[in-house]
Protein backbone atom coordinates (compact mmCIF):
# COMPACT_ATOMS: atom_id res chain seq x y z
CA MET A 1 92.46 123.92 226.08
CA SER A 2 92.00 120.14 225.92
CA ALA A 3 94.65 117.99 224.32
CA ARG A 4 94.02 115.57 221.49
CA ILE A 5 94.37 112.07 222.90
CA ALA A 6 95.33 108.91 220.98
CA VAL A 7 94.95 105.56 222.73
CA ILE A 8 96.74 102.55 221.27
CA GLY A 9 95.22 99.29 222.45
CA ALA A 10 91.48 98.76 222.93
CA GLY A 11 91.64 95.86 225.36
CA LEU A 12 91.03 95.67 229.10
CA MET A 13 92.58 99.06 229.88
CA GLY A 14 92.65 101.02 226.63
CA HIS A 15 88.94 101.42 226.03
CA GLY A 16 88.40 102.48 229.66
CA ILE A 17 91.16 105.09 229.39
CA ALA A 18 89.58 106.39 226.18
CA GLN A 19 86.22 106.57 227.98
CA THR A 20 87.74 108.61 230.82
CA PHE A 21 89.13 111.29 228.51
CA MET A 22 86.01 111.29 226.34
CA VAL A 23 83.68 111.93 229.29
CA ALA A 24 85.95 114.82 230.35
CA GLY A 25 85.53 116.46 226.94
CA PHE A 26 88.80 115.55 225.25
CA GLU A 27 88.99 114.65 221.57
CA VAL A 28 89.88 110.95 221.62
CA SER A 29 91.01 108.48 218.95
CA ILE A 30 91.66 104.79 219.54
CA TRP A 31 93.23 101.98 217.52
CA ASP A 32 93.91 98.31 218.09
CA PRO A 33 95.48 95.86 215.64
CA ALA A 34 92.63 93.41 216.33
CA GLU A 35 89.53 94.15 214.28
CA ALA A 36 87.25 92.55 216.90
CA ALA A 37 88.60 94.86 219.60
CA ARG A 38 88.05 97.92 217.40
CA ALA A 39 84.52 96.81 216.50
CA SER A 40 83.45 96.41 220.13
CA VAL A 41 84.97 99.57 221.63
CA LYS A 42 81.87 101.74 221.49
CA THR A 43 79.59 98.97 222.75
CA ARG A 44 81.82 98.32 225.76
CA ILE A 45 82.05 102.01 226.60
CA ALA A 46 78.27 102.39 226.30
CA GLU A 47 77.76 99.47 228.69
CA HIS A 48 80.05 101.06 231.27
CA LEU A 49 78.32 104.42 230.94
CA ALA A 50 74.94 102.77 231.50
CA LEU A 51 76.18 101.10 234.70
CA MET A 52 77.39 104.49 235.89
CA GLY A 53 74.02 106.12 235.21
CA LEU A 54 75.40 107.98 232.18
CA ALA A 55 73.43 106.21 229.46
CA HIS A 56 72.59 109.62 227.97
CA GLN A 57 76.30 110.29 227.29
CA PRO A 58 77.08 109.84 223.57
CA VAL A 59 80.11 107.67 222.81
CA GLU A 60 82.24 110.18 220.94
CA VAL A 61 85.42 108.21 220.46
CA ARG A 62 86.92 108.00 217.00
CA VAL A 63 87.81 104.37 216.23
CA CYS A 64 90.60 104.32 213.65
CA ASP A 65 91.53 101.67 211.10
CA SER A 66 95.27 102.32 211.30
CA LEU A 67 97.95 103.43 213.72
CA GLU A 68 98.84 106.29 211.39
CA ALA A 69 95.29 107.68 211.41
CA CYS A 70 95.06 107.39 215.18
CA VAL A 71 98.25 109.27 216.05
CA GLU A 72 97.88 112.03 213.48
CA GLY A 73 97.87 115.39 215.22
CA CYS A 74 97.69 113.98 218.75
CA ASP A 75 99.24 115.79 221.71
CA LEU A 76 99.32 112.78 224.01
CA LEU A 77 99.58 109.15 222.95
CA ILE A 78 98.64 106.61 225.59
CA GLU A 79 100.10 103.18 224.92
CA ALA A 80 97.95 100.40 226.39
CA VAL A 81 99.26 97.35 224.55
CA PRO A 82 100.10 94.00 226.24
CA GLU A 83 102.65 93.94 229.07
CA LYS A 84 105.53 92.71 226.91
CA MET A 85 108.67 94.77 226.60
CA ASP A 86 109.30 94.00 222.92
CA ILE A 87 105.74 94.95 221.91
CA LYS A 88 105.89 98.25 223.78
CA ARG A 89 109.30 99.18 222.41
CA ALA A 90 108.24 98.34 218.85
CA LEU A 91 105.17 100.54 219.19
CA LEU A 92 107.23 103.47 220.44
CA ALA A 93 109.55 103.12 217.46
CA ALA A 94 106.58 103.06 215.07
CA VAL A 95 105.05 106.14 216.68
CA ASN A 96 108.38 107.99 216.45
CA ALA A 97 108.37 107.43 212.71
CA LEU A 98 104.81 108.76 212.35
CA HIS A 99 104.61 111.56 214.93
CA PRO A 100 107.92 112.27 216.67
CA GLU A 101 106.64 115.40 218.46
CA CYS A 102 103.94 113.80 220.62
CA ILE A 103 104.24 112.90 224.28
CA ILE A 104 103.99 109.16 224.92
CA ALA A 105 102.49 107.83 228.14
CA THR A 106 103.13 104.12 228.49
CA ASN A 107 100.55 102.29 230.59
CA THR A 108 102.22 99.51 232.54
CA SER A 109 101.76 98.07 236.00
CA VAL A 110 105.25 96.67 236.57
CA LEU A 111 107.68 97.22 233.66
CA ARG A 112 110.42 99.82 234.09
CA ILE A 113 109.73 102.99 232.11
CA THR A 114 113.42 103.52 231.35
CA GLU A 115 113.60 100.16 229.58
CA ILE A 116 110.41 100.77 227.60
CA ALA A 117 111.70 104.21 226.55
CA GLU A 118 114.73 102.57 224.91
CA GLY A 119 112.41 101.95 221.96
CA SER A 120 111.98 105.70 221.46
CA LEU A 121 114.23 108.23 219.77
CA HIS A 122 112.98 110.74 222.33
CA PRO A 123 113.03 109.06 225.77
CA GLU A 124 112.62 112.47 227.38
CA ARG A 125 109.06 112.51 226.00
CA VAL A 126 108.17 109.11 227.44
CA VAL A 127 106.50 108.91 230.84
CA GLY A 128 104.86 106.05 232.69
CA THR A 129 101.18 106.21 233.60
CA HIS A 130 99.97 103.30 235.70
CA TRP A 131 96.18 103.28 235.49
CA TRP A 132 94.27 100.88 237.73
CA ASN A 133 91.48 98.64 236.46
CA PRO A 134 88.80 99.74 235.78
CA PRO A 135 90.44 103.00 234.70
CA TYR A 136 87.20 104.97 234.49
CA LEU A 137 86.42 104.26 238.18
CA ILE A 138 89.77 104.14 240.03
CA PRO A 139 90.81 107.77 240.61
CA VAL A 140 94.58 107.46 241.06
CA VAL A 141 97.07 107.26 238.18
CA GLU A 142 100.73 106.78 239.06
CA VAL A 143 102.92 109.10 236.96
CA VAL A 144 106.33 107.47 236.74
CA ARG A 145 109.50 109.20 235.59
CA GLY A 146 111.99 107.20 233.57
CA GLU A 147 115.64 108.10 233.93
CA GLN A 148 115.41 110.48 230.97
CA THR A 149 111.82 111.70 231.32
CA SER A 150 111.57 115.48 231.12
CA GLU A 151 110.03 116.96 234.26
CA ALA A 152 108.02 119.32 232.06
CA VAL A 153 106.56 116.29 230.24
CA ALA A 154 105.63 114.58 233.51
CA GLN A 155 103.96 117.73 234.79
CA GLN A 156 102.04 118.25 231.54
CA VAL A 157 100.72 114.69 231.61
CA SER A 158 99.68 115.18 235.25
CA ALA A 159 97.83 118.35 234.25
CA TRP A 160 95.91 116.51 231.52
CA LEU A 161 95.06 113.70 233.94
CA THR A 162 93.75 116.23 236.44
CA GLN A 163 91.67 117.83 233.69
CA ALA A 164 90.26 114.35 232.97
CA GLY A 165 89.13 114.04 236.60
CA LYS A 166 91.93 111.75 237.77
CA THR A 167 94.26 112.08 240.75
CA PRO A 168 97.83 111.85 239.45
CA VAL A 169 100.51 110.90 241.97
CA ASP A 170 104.23 111.36 241.44
CA VAL A 171 106.61 108.40 241.38
CA TYR A 172 110.12 109.82 241.33
CA ARG A 173 112.16 106.62 240.91
CA ASP A 174 111.59 104.04 238.20
CA VAL A 175 111.36 100.79 240.18
CA PRO A 176 109.49 97.62 239.11
CA GLY A 177 105.89 97.72 240.31
CA PHE A 178 106.08 101.43 241.18
CA VAL A 179 104.06 102.12 244.37
CA GLY A 180 100.70 100.38 244.40
CA ASN A 181 101.74 97.02 243.01
CA ARG A 182 104.72 96.74 245.32
CA MET A 183 102.33 97.02 248.26
CA GLN A 184 99.63 94.89 246.66
CA PHE A 185 101.92 91.98 245.79
CA ALA A 186 103.64 92.06 249.17
CA LEU A 187 100.18 91.52 250.65
CA MET A 188 99.42 88.78 248.12
CA ARG A 189 102.68 87.01 249.00
CA GLU A 190 101.80 86.95 252.70
CA ALA A 191 98.21 85.89 251.94
CA ALA A 192 99.44 82.87 249.97
CA TYR A 193 101.96 82.04 252.72
CA LEU A 194 99.20 81.92 255.36
CA VAL A 195 97.30 79.35 253.29
CA GLU A 196 100.41 77.32 252.37
CA GLU A 197 101.40 77.05 256.03
CA GLY A 198 97.93 75.83 257.03
CA ILE A 199 97.33 78.86 259.23
CA CYS A 200 93.93 79.59 257.70
CA SER A 201 91.83 79.04 254.58
CA ALA A 202 91.78 81.18 251.45
CA GLU A 203 88.26 82.27 252.37
CA THR A 204 89.45 83.50 255.76
CA VAL A 205 92.32 85.45 254.20
CA ASP A 206 89.96 87.25 251.84
CA LEU A 207 87.33 87.96 254.49
CA VAL A 208 89.88 89.37 256.92
CA ALA A 209 91.50 91.53 254.23
CA SER A 210 88.26 92.93 252.83
CA LEU A 211 86.29 93.36 256.07
CA THR A 212 88.97 94.65 258.47
CA PHE A 213 91.97 96.72 257.40
CA GLY A 214 90.70 96.81 253.81
CA ARG A 215 87.75 98.93 254.87
CA ARG A 216 89.94 101.23 256.90
CA MET A 217 92.47 101.72 254.13
CA ALA A 218 89.83 103.32 251.92
CA ALA A 219 90.01 106.27 254.32
CA VAL A 220 93.44 106.03 255.96
CA GLY A 221 96.55 104.70 254.20
CA PRO A 222 99.19 102.53 255.90
CA LEU A 223 101.58 105.29 256.96
CA ARG A 224 98.91 107.62 258.30
CA ASN A 225 97.49 104.61 260.13
CA ALA A 226 100.93 103.98 261.63
CA ASP A 227 100.81 107.50 263.05
CA PHE A 228 97.38 106.80 264.52
CA ILE A 229 98.60 103.60 266.14
CA GLY A 230 101.74 105.27 267.46
CA LEU A 231 105.15 104.75 265.89
CA ASP A 232 106.65 103.35 269.09
CA LEU A 233 104.03 100.60 269.19
CA VAL A 234 104.37 100.00 265.45
CA CYS A 235 108.13 99.50 265.85
CA ASN A 236 107.60 97.00 268.66
CA ILE A 237 105.03 95.05 266.62
CA MET A 238 107.20 95.01 263.50
CA ASP A 239 110.31 93.91 265.40
CA TYR A 240 108.35 90.97 266.83
CA LEU A 241 106.34 90.10 263.70
CA SER A 242 108.73 90.66 260.80
CA PRO A 243 110.93 87.55 261.32
CA SER A 244 107.88 85.32 260.90
CA LEU A 245 106.61 86.92 257.67
CA SER A 246 107.25 85.44 254.24
CA ASP A 247 110.37 86.73 252.51
CA ALA A 248 109.94 84.62 249.36
CA LYS A 249 111.61 86.03 246.23
CA THR A 250 109.48 84.17 243.67
CA ALA A 251 105.80 83.40 243.15
CA PRO A 252 104.32 81.20 245.92
CA ALA A 253 103.78 77.47 245.54
CA LEU A 254 100.05 78.04 246.10
CA PHE A 255 99.97 79.72 242.69
CA ARG A 256 102.73 77.84 240.85
CA GLU A 257 101.26 74.40 241.54
CA ARG A 258 97.89 75.46 240.19
CA VAL A 259 99.41 77.04 237.09
CA ALA A 260 101.27 73.79 236.39
CA ALA A 261 97.93 71.96 236.61
CA GLY A 262 96.26 74.39 234.20
CA GLN A 263 94.25 76.02 236.98
CA LEU A 264 94.79 79.67 236.04
CA GLY A 265 91.97 81.23 238.02
CA ALA A 266 88.58 82.54 236.93
CA LYS A 267 89.46 82.40 233.22
CA SER A 268 90.05 78.63 233.35
CA GLY A 269 87.30 77.72 235.81
CA ALA A 270 89.60 76.95 238.73
CA GLY A 271 92.44 78.53 240.69
CA VAL A 272 92.65 79.16 244.40
CA TYR A 273 88.85 78.94 244.18
CA ALA A 274 86.51 76.96 241.92
CA TRP A 275 84.73 79.19 239.38
CA ALA A 276 81.41 78.05 237.91
CA GLY A 277 80.05 79.30 234.59
CA SER A 278 78.73 82.75 235.53
CA ASP A 279 80.82 83.32 238.67
CA ARG A 280 83.40 85.48 236.97
CA ASP A 281 80.87 87.78 235.29
CA GLU A 282 78.85 88.12 238.48
CA THR A 283 81.95 88.88 240.57
CA GLU A 284 83.07 91.49 238.05
CA LYS A 285 79.62 93.10 238.04
CA GLN A 286 79.48 93.26 241.84
CA LEU A 287 82.97 94.79 241.92
CA LEU A 288 81.94 97.44 239.38
CA LEU A 289 78.80 98.30 241.35
CA HIS A 290 80.86 98.56 244.55
CA LEU A 291 83.35 100.91 242.87
CA ILE A 292 80.56 102.99 241.33
CA ALA A 293 78.96 103.39 244.76
CA ALA A 294 82.33 104.42 246.22
CA GLU A 295 82.82 106.95 243.41
CA ARG A 296 79.40 108.48 244.05
CA THR A 297 80.06 108.68 247.78
CA ALA A 298 83.42 110.36 247.20
CA SER A 299 81.93 112.94 244.83
């Protein structure tokens, strides 16, 4: 039997999470404190469905006018509010007052689940779910146990995710960044270092990453690839290479200097690259089409 799902937050991630459960046949409610976000939820979901060739799919998500209406009777509440500890803790406290029995899955990419759960009277019912953007196309969801998360709760959330067509993966220790982002940002750190040191251009970094090992990683992850290479050879390479890699403990100067100059990336028109008027939308569209094609190939 499908669970009743409540999604809090209708922004970048929330509406896509709602779409995922809706398409799988779950009863889904969504609420956001911003009226504009609530008003556009169904339109955004319909646009995604059309891109995926599912324009015939009705958008059967209940958009609520209040937090209370959204959480009423839900089995699983998915919190997808901004990545700020105080906001997430405050929401958990509010939900406890309205519906203390529900399971809460907090969607975060880096924040520790144990710290978020301090806002709840029932930390054993709080579990981390790190969805990747766009959530309706990226199959993996990291299921992260906080220090007090009940194993039964984690397993139940994984079962619902599987029912929704996702691939839940277990993260047993609550560390910042979990699994994927620790690897992703280690790569980003080295990419910035290569440009800062004048070793190559930003364009070269991105071409090499996307057209060499990036293609291979879609089929073979880093540790399986190490086995293919041969662990003896991998050890020799790492012993030789590791001392020359970046070991920076803060964000790279390549990024910090641009932030100080107001160059925040695509959203401001400039960052590592220059972004003209429609560049961001076109890049996002091409990424979505690439991911849709990958999803169809996989299925």
